[in-house]
């Protein structure tokens, strides 16, 4: 059986693969025979970590609104009801005179409006940075999701092709076993050949069983990335998935640190810290506010007549609080915030070094995997040619069965190595895109 790379291995002709009864029906809104793009879209909407990051984003919006609410008038009401068992007295011209009445009640409404407040100044300016920080957190989660789902999808596709190869190998071994047994029955050879064929066939069947179990795990892992229950069904479409067509990458693209979401997060953190330094300087400013109040006052010696007469009062004005000396606390807080700025600068420098090393490692892996992939591709063609030649020679009685089995093993090994190297190339390509900050999350 001729092994055709482009027709059989790389361009999957079937449209979907179902694994067992648990994969017979897809639920939770994901279409049957889902493509890679559909999987990514589903994961971006349903993965637990993505949902959590969006909730954190919404929490951040509530925190911003809560902090900015201080600019609105703050209205409060206070009420009281008191009964004096003994009235307070005061001495007037040598005589002790009881003051007030035994029952009093009051209800006061107070409205305060901030005019100058360092904390509110900081909250107003920090809102956009906090919002940007939350958005970047969502973006970071989405990038990791796209990369992880893509790798898992290609891993499953590789497993499917590995199973196809093993099944092809079993078919060949079954035929060889039948032929070897027939030769033995006719007395042309001893039983060694067909016993070896049986051993190889048993090993191939065991290998197939292991591959099927691993495939099941890979489907379950993909479901976890998608945010699906492991008991739900999942079927995938591999139509038009030419893996070879996806391996190439522009290796001349220049690394730009500003494209990385981690770099943007640190830059945002640096902006927030600068604002905090400014806030500490604003602590030297006074706080200024306006107020207005209106009070209802009731008093009477008889509790039953307490609310018969009201003695209202009202006032308005401004309040000013000017901190003069706090033991040097404000100066120390400013210096501490400046040091924290310097530390973030070092974090950014360190991140640039890490990104550079990460990119270098990803590019080295990609180039090494590309070379391995091209070499293994050539080996597949060579081992296929060798196998076909030895098979003809074996049928003609020129080659021994051991030589045929060696060629069979070499063919299967080269095919599996080719698939593994192809997956490694695709995986390292995703790592390069992640290190460059060019992963597409707009699906």
Protein backbone atom coordinates (compact mmCIF):
# COMPACT_ATOMS: atom_id res chain seq x y z
CA UNK A 1 0.00 0.00 0.00
CA UNK A 2 1.57 3.24 -1.07
CA UNK A 3 1.86 5.93 1.58
CA UNK A 4 0.84 9.24 -0.01
CA UNK A 5 1.91 12.23 2.07
CA UNK A 6 -0.21 14.93 0.50
CA UNK A 7 -3.25 12.80 -0.25
CA UNK A 8 -3.43 10.73 2.92
CA UNK A 9 -1.42 12.27 5.72
CA UNK A 10 -1.57 16.03 5.38
CA UNK A 11 -4.84 16.78 3.66
CA UNK A 12 -7.49 15.01 5.68
CA UNK A 13 -10.24 13.90 3.38
CA UNK A 14 -12.77 13.08 6.06
CA UNK A 15 -14.86 15.91 7.44
CA UNK A 16 -15.23 14.79 11.03
CA UNK A 17 -14.03 12.22 13.52
CA UNK A 18 -16.16 10.99 16.41
CA UNK A 19 -14.58 9.21 19.34
CA UNK A 20 -16.85 6.75 21.11
CA UNK A 21 -20.40 7.32 22.24
CA UNK A 22 -19.41 10.27 24.43
CA UNK A 23 -18.49 12.24 21.31
CA UNK A 24 -21.58 11.45 19.31
CA UNK A 25 -23.44 14.68 19.96
CA UNK A 26 -22.11 18.18 20.57
CA UNK A 27 -23.96 20.37 23.05
CA UNK A 28 -23.70 23.79 24.68
CA UNK A 29 -24.08 25.70 21.42
CA UNK A 30 -20.97 24.38 19.67
CA UNK A 31 -21.75 23.09 16.20
CA UNK A 32 -21.20 19.47 15.27
CA UNK A 33 -17.98 18.94 13.30
CA UNK A 34 -16.51 22.13 14.75
CA UNK A 35 -13.60 23.76 12.93
CA UNK A 36 -10.61 25.36 14.63
CA UNK A 37 -12.07 28.86 14.23
CA UNK A 38 -15.34 27.71 15.79
CA UNK A 39 -13.48 26.14 18.69
CA UNK A 40 -11.55 29.35 19.33
CA UNK A 41 -14.72 31.44 19.16
CA UNK A 42 -16.48 29.07 21.56
CA UNK A 43 -13.54 29.10 23.98
CA UNK A 44 -13.36 32.90 23.97
CA UNK A 45 -17.00 32.96 25.03
CA UNK A 46 -17.18 30.00 27.40
CA UNK A 47 -13.79 29.21 28.93
CA UNK A 48 -13.93 29.66 32.71
CA UNK A 49 -10.80 31.83 32.86
CA UNK A 50 -12.14 34.13 30.12
CA UNK A 51 -15.45 34.49 31.94
CA UNK A 52 -13.63 35.23 35.18
CA UNK A 53 -11.48 37.89 33.53
CA UNK A 54 -14.62 39.54 32.15
CA UNK A 55 -16.20 39.47 35.61
CA UNK A 56 -13.02 41.03 37.01
CA UNK A 57 -13.33 43.68 34.32
CA UNK A 58 -16.90 44.40 35.41
CA UNK A 59 -15.80 44.48 39.05
CA UNK A 60 -13.19 47.06 38.05
CA UNK A 61 -15.89 49.22 36.48
CA UNK A 62 -17.89 49.07 39.70
CA UNK A 63 -14.79 50.01 41.71
CA UNK A 64 -14.19 53.00 39.44
CA UNK A 65 -17.81 54.13 39.77
CA UNK A 66 -17.62 53.67 43.55
CA UNK A 67 -14.44 55.75 43.80
CA UNK A 68 -15.84 58.56 41.62
CA UNK A 69 -19.12 58.67 43.55
CA UNK A 70 -17.39 60.93 46.08
CA UNK A 71 -17.77 63.84 43.65
CA UNK A 72 -21.54 63.68 44.04
CA UNK A 73 -23.30 65.32 47.00
CA UNK A 74 -23.23 63.11 50.07
CA UNK A 75 -26.58 63.34 51.85
CA UNK A 76 -27.15 61.87 55.29
CA UNK A 77 -29.91 61.91 57.86
CA UNK A 78 -29.48 61.53 61.62
CA UNK A 79 -32.24 61.11 64.13
CA UNK A 80 -32.37 60.97 67.92
CA UNK A 81 -34.87 60.55 70.75
CA UNK A 82 -33.85 61.25 74.36
CA UNK A 83 -35.54 61.24 77.78
CA UNK A 84 -33.85 62.94 80.71
CA UNK A 85 -34.49 61.22 84.01
CA UNK A 86 -32.68 64.18 85.57
CA UNK A 87 -32.49 67.50 83.80
CA UNK A 88 -29.10 69.19 83.55
CA UNK A 89 -28.79 72.31 85.74
CA UNK A 90 -26.76 75.46 85.61
CA UNK A 91 -26.02 78.08 88.28
CA UNK A 92 -27.35 81.56 87.62
CA UNK A 93 -26.77 84.23 90.30
CA UNK A 94 -26.16 81.55 92.90
CA UNK A 95 -29.26 79.57 92.06
CA UNK A 96 -29.31 76.08 90.44
CA UNK A 97 -31.77 76.19 87.59
CA UNK A 98 -32.89 73.15 85.55
CA UNK A 99 -32.28 73.61 81.83
CA UNK A 100 -34.21 72.03 78.97
CA UNK A 101 -37.11 69.65 78.92
CA UNK A 102 -37.34 65.99 79.78
CA UNK A 103 -38.14 64.71 76.26
CA UNK A 104 -36.24 65.78 73.14
CA UNK A 105 -36.15 64.50 69.58
CA UNK A 106 -34.28 65.67 66.49
CA UNK A 107 -33.99 64.78 62.79
CA UNK A 108 -31.16 66.42 60.86
CA UNK A 109 -30.46 66.29 57.12
CA UNK A 110 -26.87 67.04 56.07
CA UNK A 111 -25.56 67.51 52.52
CA UNK A 112 -21.81 67.68 51.83
CA UNK A 113 -20.14 68.52 48.52
CA UNK A 114 -16.42 67.93 47.94
CA UNK A 115 -14.63 70.75 46.14
CA UNK A 116 -10.93 70.03 46.71
CA UNK A 117 -10.08 66.46 47.69
CA UNK A 118 -6.75 64.77 46.80
CA UNK A 119 -8.25 61.29 46.99
CA UNK A 120 -10.97 62.17 44.49
CA UNK A 121 -8.44 63.86 42.21
CA UNK A 122 -6.49 60.60 42.12
CA UNK A 123 -9.63 58.51 41.52
CA UNK A 124 -10.63 60.69 38.56
CA UNK A 125 -7.24 60.44 36.87
CA UNK A 126 -6.70 56.75 37.70
CA UNK A 127 -10.00 55.59 36.19
CA UNK A 128 -8.69 55.25 32.63
CA UNK A 129 -5.57 53.37 33.78
CA UNK A 130 -7.56 50.95 35.92
CA UNK A 131 -9.91 50.36 33.00
CA UNK A 132 -6.96 49.80 30.67
CA UNK A 133 -5.39 47.39 33.13
CA UNK A 134 -8.58 45.33 33.32
CA UNK A 135 -8.89 45.27 29.51
CA UNK A 136 -5.31 44.04 29.20
CA UNK A 137 -6.01 41.27 31.69
CA UNK A 138 -8.88 40.07 29.50
CA UNK A 139 -6.66 40.30 26.42
CA UNK A 140 -3.93 38.26 28.10
CA UNK A 141 -6.40 35.52 28.99
CA UNK A 142 -7.75 35.45 25.44
CA UNK A 143 -4.26 35.17 23.94
CA UNK A 144 -3.44 32.18 26.12
CA UNK A 145 -6.79 30.65 25.23
CA UNK A 146 -6.23 30.97 21.47
CA UNK A 147 -2.74 29.45 21.72
CA UNK A 148 -3.81 26.59 23.99
CA UNK A 149 -6.90 25.68 21.94
CA UNK A 150 -4.93 25.80 18.67
CA UNK A 151 -2.23 23.52 20.07
CA UNK A 152 -4.81 21.11 21.45
CA UNK A 153 -6.63 21.02 18.10
CA UNK A 154 -3.43 20.31 16.16
CA UNK A 155 -2.48 17.72 18.76
CA UNK A 156 -5.76 15.88 18.20
CA UNK A 157 -5.33 16.13 14.44
CA UNK A 158 -1.87 14.63 14.83
CA UNK A 159 -3.29 11.82 16.96
CA UNK A 160 -5.94 11.10 14.36
CA UNK A 161 -3.29 10.75 11.68
CA UNK A 162 -1.13 8.62 13.96
CA UNK A 163 -4.09 6.28 14.42
CA UNK A 164 -4.53 6.16 10.65
CA UNK A 165 -0.88 5.21 10.28
CA UNK A 166 -1.16 2.50 12.92
CA UNK A 167 -4.29 1.14 11.25
CA UNK A 168 -2.50 1.11 7.90
CA UNK A 169 0.36 -0.70 9.58
CA UNK A 170 -2.06 -3.27 11.07
CA UNK A 171 -3.55 -3.86 7.63
CA UNK A 172 -0.10 -4.53 6.18
CA UNK A 173 0.88 -6.74 9.09
CA UNK A 174 -2.35 -8.68 8.85
CA UNK A 175 -1.69 -9.35 5.18
CA UNK A 176 1.91 -10.28 5.89
CA UNK A 177 0.84 -12.60 8.67
CA UNK A 178 -1.63 -14.32 6.34
CA UNK A 179 1.03 -14.68 3.66
CA UNK A 180 3.64 -15.95 6.13
CA UNK A 181 1.20 -18.46 7.56
CA UNK A 182 0.33 -19.67 4.06
CA UNK A 183 4.02 -20.10 3.26
CA UNK A 184 4.46 -22.07 6.44
CA UNK A 185 1.44 -24.26 5.71
CA UNK A 186 2.79 -25.09 2.28
CA UNK A 187 6.19 -25.90 3.74
CA UNK A 188 8.08 -23.11 1.99
CA UNK A 189 9.38 -21.63 5.25
CA UNK A 190 9.48 -22.54 8.90
CA UNK A 191 7.12 -21.07 11.47
CA UNK A 192 9.55 -18.28 12.49
CA UNK A 193 8.25 -15.80 9.90
CA UNK A 194 4.58 -16.03 10.75
CA UNK A 195 5.36 -16.04 14.49
CA UNK A 196 7.29 -12.81 14.02
CA UNK A 197 4.36 -11.47 12.01
CA UNK A 198 2.00 -12.42 14.81
CA UNK A 199 4.21 -10.68 17.39
CA UNK A 200 4.33 -7.53 15.25
CA UNK A 201 0.58 -7.65 14.72
CA UNK A 202 -0.09 -8.03 18.44
CA UNK A 203 2.22 -5.10 19.19
CA UNK A 204 0.51 -2.95 16.57
CA UNK A 205 -2.95 -3.75 18.03
CA UNK A 206 -1.71 -2.83 21.50
CA UNK A 207 -0.24 0.39 20.11
CA UNK A 208 -3.57 1.22 18.50
CA UNK A 209 -5.42 0.68 21.77
CA UNK A 210 -3.00 3.00 23.59
CA UNK A 211 -3.36 5.64 20.86
CA UNK A 212 -7.16 5.52 21.15
CA UNK A 213 -6.97 6.01 24.93
CA UNK A 214 -4.60 8.95 24.53
CA UNK A 215 -6.89 10.45 21.92
CA UNK A 216 -9.79 10.28 24.38
CA UNK A 217 -7.73 12.18 26.95
CA UNK A 218 -6.83 14.81 24.37
CA UNK A 219 -10.50 15.37 23.60
CA UNK A 220 -11.23 15.74 27.33
CA UNK A 221 -8.36 18.21 27.67
CA UNK A 222 -9.72 20.24 24.76
CA UNK A 223 -13.13 20.29 26.43
CA UNK A 224 -11.51 21.73 29.54
CA UNK A 225 -9.96 24.50 27.46
CA UNK A 226 -13.34 25.18 25.89
CA UNK A 227 -15.10 25.34 29.24
CA UNK A 228 -17.21 22.27 28.40
CA UNK A 229 -18.31 19.51 30.72
CA UNK A 230 -16.22 16.37 30.02
CA UNK A 231 -19.44 14.37 29.68
CA UNK A 232 -20.68 16.54 26.81
CA UNK A 233 -20.14 15.42 23.22
CA UNK A 234 -17.56 16.97 20.91
CA UNK A 235 -16.93 16.28 17.24
CA UNK A 236 -14.29 18.06 15.20
CA UNK A 237 -13.98 18.92 11.56
CA UNK A 238 -10.59 18.56 9.91
CA UNK A 239 -11.82 19.48 6.46
CA UNK A 240 -9.30 21.54 4.49
CA UNK A 241 -6.81 21.34 7.37
CA UNK A 242 -3.61 21.17 5.35
CA UNK A 243 -1.10 21.22 8.18
CA UNK A 244 1.83 21.69 5.83
CA UNK A 245 0.32 24.91 4.52
CA UNK A 246 0.37 26.39 8.04
CA UNK A 247 3.99 25.76 8.97
CA UNK A 248 5.62 28.71 7.23
CA UNK A 249 6.28 31.93 9.14
CA UNK A 250 7.93 35.24 8.33
CA UNK A 251 11.11 34.94 10.39
CA UNK A 252 12.24 38.46 9.43
CA UNK A 253 9.54 40.16 11.51
CA UNK A 254 11.16 42.47 14.07
CA UNK A 255 10.42 41.94 17.74
CA UNK A 256 8.50 44.89 19.16
CA UNK A 257 8.18 44.82 22.94
CA UNK A 258 5.22 47.21 22.84
CA UNK A 259 3.11 44.52 21.11
CA UNK A 260 3.30 42.22 24.13
CA UNK A 261 0.37 42.42 26.50
CA UNK A 262 2.69 41.88 29.49
CA UNK A 263 4.68 44.95 28.46
CA UNK A 264 1.49 47.00 28.17
CA UNK A 265 0.41 45.82 31.61
CA UNK A 266 3.67 46.98 33.19
CA UNK A 267 3.49 50.31 31.37
CA UNK A 268 -0.02 50.80 32.72
CA UNK A 269 1.17 49.87 36.20
CA UNK A 270 3.94 52.43 35.84
CA UNK A 271 1.39 55.12 34.90
CA UNK A 272 -0.70 54.22 37.92
CA UNK A 273 2.35 54.44 40.17
CA UNK A 274 3.24 57.86 38.75
CA UNK A 275 -0.27 58.98 39.55
CA UNK A 276 0.15 57.65 43.07
CA UNK A 277 3.29 59.77 43.44
CA UNK A 278 1.30 62.78 42.32
CA UNK A 279 -1.41 61.89 44.83
CA UNK A 280 1.12 61.90 47.65
CA UNK A 281 2.14 65.40 46.59
CA UNK A 282 -1.51 66.45 46.56
CA UNK A 283 -1.63 65.54 50.23
CA UNK A 284 -0.10 68.95 50.92
CA UNK A 285 -3.27 70.56 49.55
CA UNK A 286 -6.15 71.42 51.86
CA UNK A 287 -9.50 69.70 51.59
CA UNK A 288 -12.35 72.04 50.85
CA UNK A 289 -16.02 71.23 50.89
CA UNK A 290 -19.44 72.84 51.11
CA UNK A 291 -22.24 71.78 53.39
CA UNK A 292 -25.86 72.52 54.11
CA UNK A 293 -28.13 71.11 56.78
CA UNK A 294 -31.66 71.34 58.02
CA UNK A 295 -32.83 70.06 61.38
CA UNK A 296 -36.19 69.33 62.99
CA UNK A 297 -36.13 69.69 66.79
CA UNK A 298 -38.86 68.66 69.21
CA UNK A 299 -38.94 69.03 72.99
CA UNK A 300 -41.58 68.74 75.69
CA UNK A 301 -41.82 67.56 79.27
CA UNK A 302 -44.79 65.38 78.30
CA UNK A 303 -43.88 62.52 76.00
CA UNK A 304 -47.36 62.50 74.47
CA UNK A 305 -46.99 66.11 73.40
CA UNK A 306 -43.35 65.74 72.25
CA UNK A 307 -44.03 66.15 68.54
CA UNK A 308 -46.60 68.91 68.99
CA UNK A 309 -44.16 71.75 68.34
CA UNK A 310 -41.17 71.89 65.99
CA UNK A 311 -38.20 74.18 66.50
CA UNK A 312 -36.32 73.90 63.21
CA UNK A 313 -32.79 75.04 62.46
CA UNK A 314 -30.73 75.22 59.26
CA UNK A 315 -27.30 76.35 58.12
CA UNK A 316 -24.89 76.19 55.19
CA UNK A 317 -21.26 77.05 54.66
CA UNK A 318 -17.87 75.70 53.66
CA UNK A 319 -15.35 73.63 55.55
CA UNK A 320 -11.58 73.82 55.14
CA UNK A 321 -9.04 71.42 56.50
CA UNK A 322 -5.40 72.39 56.04
CA UNK A 323 -2.85 69.78 57.20
CA UNK A 324 0.18 71.66 58.50
CA UNK A 325 2.52 69.10 60.01
CA UNK A 326 2.23 65.30 60.09
CA UNK A 327 5.68 64.33 61.28
CA UNK A 328 7.15 64.07 57.77
CA UNK A 329 4.73 61.32 56.72
CA UNK A 330 3.81 62.94 53.42
CA UNK A 331 7.44 63.42 52.39
CA UNK A 332 8.23 59.80 53.16
CA UNK A 333 5.22 58.60 51.20
CA UNK A 334 6.34 60.62 48.18
CA UNK A 335 9.82 59.14 48.36
CA UNK A 336 8.45 55.62 48.76
CA UNK A 337 6.21 56.04 45.70
CA UNK A 338 9.16 57.33 43.65
CA UNK A 339 11.18 54.28 44.64
CA UNK A 340 8.29 52.06 43.57
CA UNK A 341 8.36 53.84 40.19
CA UNK A 342 12.05 52.99 39.87
CA UNK A 343 11.33 49.39 40.73
CA UNK A 344 8.68 49.14 38.01
CA UNK A 345 11.19 50.60 35.55
CA UNK A 346 13.49 47.72 36.44
CA UNK A 347 10.60 45.28 36.02
CA UNK A 348 10.06 46.63 32.51
CA UNK A 349 13.75 46.29 31.69
CA UNK A 350 13.74 42.74 33.06
CA UNK A 351 10.61 41.90 31.05
CA UNK A 352 12.27 43.15 27.87
CA UNK A 353 15.19 40.81 28.55
CA UNK A 354 12.82 37.91 29.19
CA UNK A 355 10.79 38.63 26.04
CA UNK A 356 14.01 38.76 24.02
CA UNK A 357 15.13 35.42 25.41
CA UNK A 358 11.67 33.93 24.92
CA UNK A 359 11.58 35.06 21.31
CA UNK A 360 15.08 33.75 20.69
CA UNK A 361 14.17 30.36 22.18
CA UNK A 362 10.92 30.18 20.21
CA UNK A 363 12.69 31.09 16.97
CA UNK A 364 15.46 28.55 17.62
CA UNK A 365 12.88 25.84 18.31
CA UNK A 366 10.94 26.77 15.20
CA UNK A 367 14.00 26.63 12.93
CA UNK A 368 15.17 23.38 14.49
CA UNK A 369 11.70 21.87 14.11
CA UNK A 370 11.47 23.07 10.50
CA UNK A 371 14.74 21.31 9.74
CA UNK A 372 13.56 18.17 11.51
CA UNK A 373 10.24 18.30 9.66
CA UNK A 374 11.92 18.59 6.25
CA UNK A 375 14.30 15.79 7.12
CA UNK A 376 11.52 13.52 8.36
CA UNK A 377 9.47 14.32 5.25
CA UNK A 378 12.32 13.11 3.08
CA UNK A 379 12.75 10.06 5.30
CA UNK A 380 9.09 9.12 4.80
CA UNK A 381 9.55 9.10 1.04
CA UNK A 382 12.78 7.12 1.30
CA UNK A 383 11.43 4.56 3.76
CA UNK A 384 8.30 4.12 1.64
CA UNK A 385 10.46 3.46 -1.40
CA UNK A 386 12.65 1.02 0.55
CA UNK A 387 9.64 -0.83 1.93
CA UNK A 388 8.00 -1.21 -1.48
CA UNK A 389 11.26 -2.49 -2.98
CA UNK A 390 11.91 -5.00 -0.19
CA UNK A 391 8.29 -6.13 -0.26
CA UNK A 392 8.65 -6.99 -3.96
CA UNK A 393 11.95 -8.75 -3.27
CA UNK A 394 10.43 -10.67 -0.37
CA UNK A 395 7.51 -11.78 -2.54
CA UNK A 396 10.07 -12.98 -5.09
CA UNK A 397 11.96 -14.88 -2.40
CA UNK A 398 15.06 -12.67 -2.57
CA UNK A 399 14.77 -10.95 0.81
CA UNK A 400 14.07 -12.50 4.20
CA UNK A 401 11.03 -11.77 6.30
CA UNK A 402 13.24 -10.12 8.92
CA UNK A 403 14.37 -7.58 6.33
CA UNK A 404 10.76 -6.93 5.39
CA UNK A 405 9.81 -6.36 9.03
CA UNK A 406 12.75 -3.98 9.46
CA UNK A 407 11.60 -1.98 6.44
CA UNK A 408 8.03 -2.00 7.80
CA UNK A 409 9.23 -0.71 11.16
CA UNK A 410 11.34 1.98 9.51
CA UNK A 411 8.37 3.12 7.44
CA UNK A 412 6.03 3.37 10.42
CA UNK A 413 8.69 5.12 12.52
CA UNK A 414 9.42 7.65 9.81
CA UNK A 415 5.70 8.36 9.37
CA UNK A 416 5.18 8.91 13.09
CA UNK A 417 8.34 11.02 13.33
CA UNK A 418 7.04 13.11 10.48
CA UNK A 419 3.75 13.75 12.25
CA UNK A 420 5.46 14.60 15.55
CA UNK A 421 7.86 17.00 13.83
CA UNK A 422 4.97 18.62 11.96
CA UNK A 423 3.09 19.20 15.21
CA UNK A 424 6.29 20.56 16.81
CA UNK A 425 6.63 23.09 13.97
CA UNK A 426 3.03 24.27 14.36
CA UNK A 427 3.40 24.48 18.13
CA UNK A 428 6.65 26.46 17.94
CA UNK A 429 5.07 28.75 15.35
CA UNK A 430 2.34 29.61 17.85
CA UNK A 431 5.02 30.24 20.48
CA UNK A 432 6.74 32.72 18.13
CA UNK A 433 3.47 34.51 17.42
CA UNK A 434 2.84 34.73 21.15
CA UNK A 435 6.33 36.08 21.82
CA UNK A 436 5.86 38.65 19.02
CA UNK A 437 2.45 39.65 20.39
CA UNK A 438 0.73 38.92 17.06
CA UNK A 439 -1.77 36.24 18.15
CA UNK A 440 -5.16 37.01 16.65
CA UNK A 441 -7.93 37.14 19.29
CA UNK A 442 -10.62 38.73 17.13
CA UNK A 443 -12.35 35.44 16.25
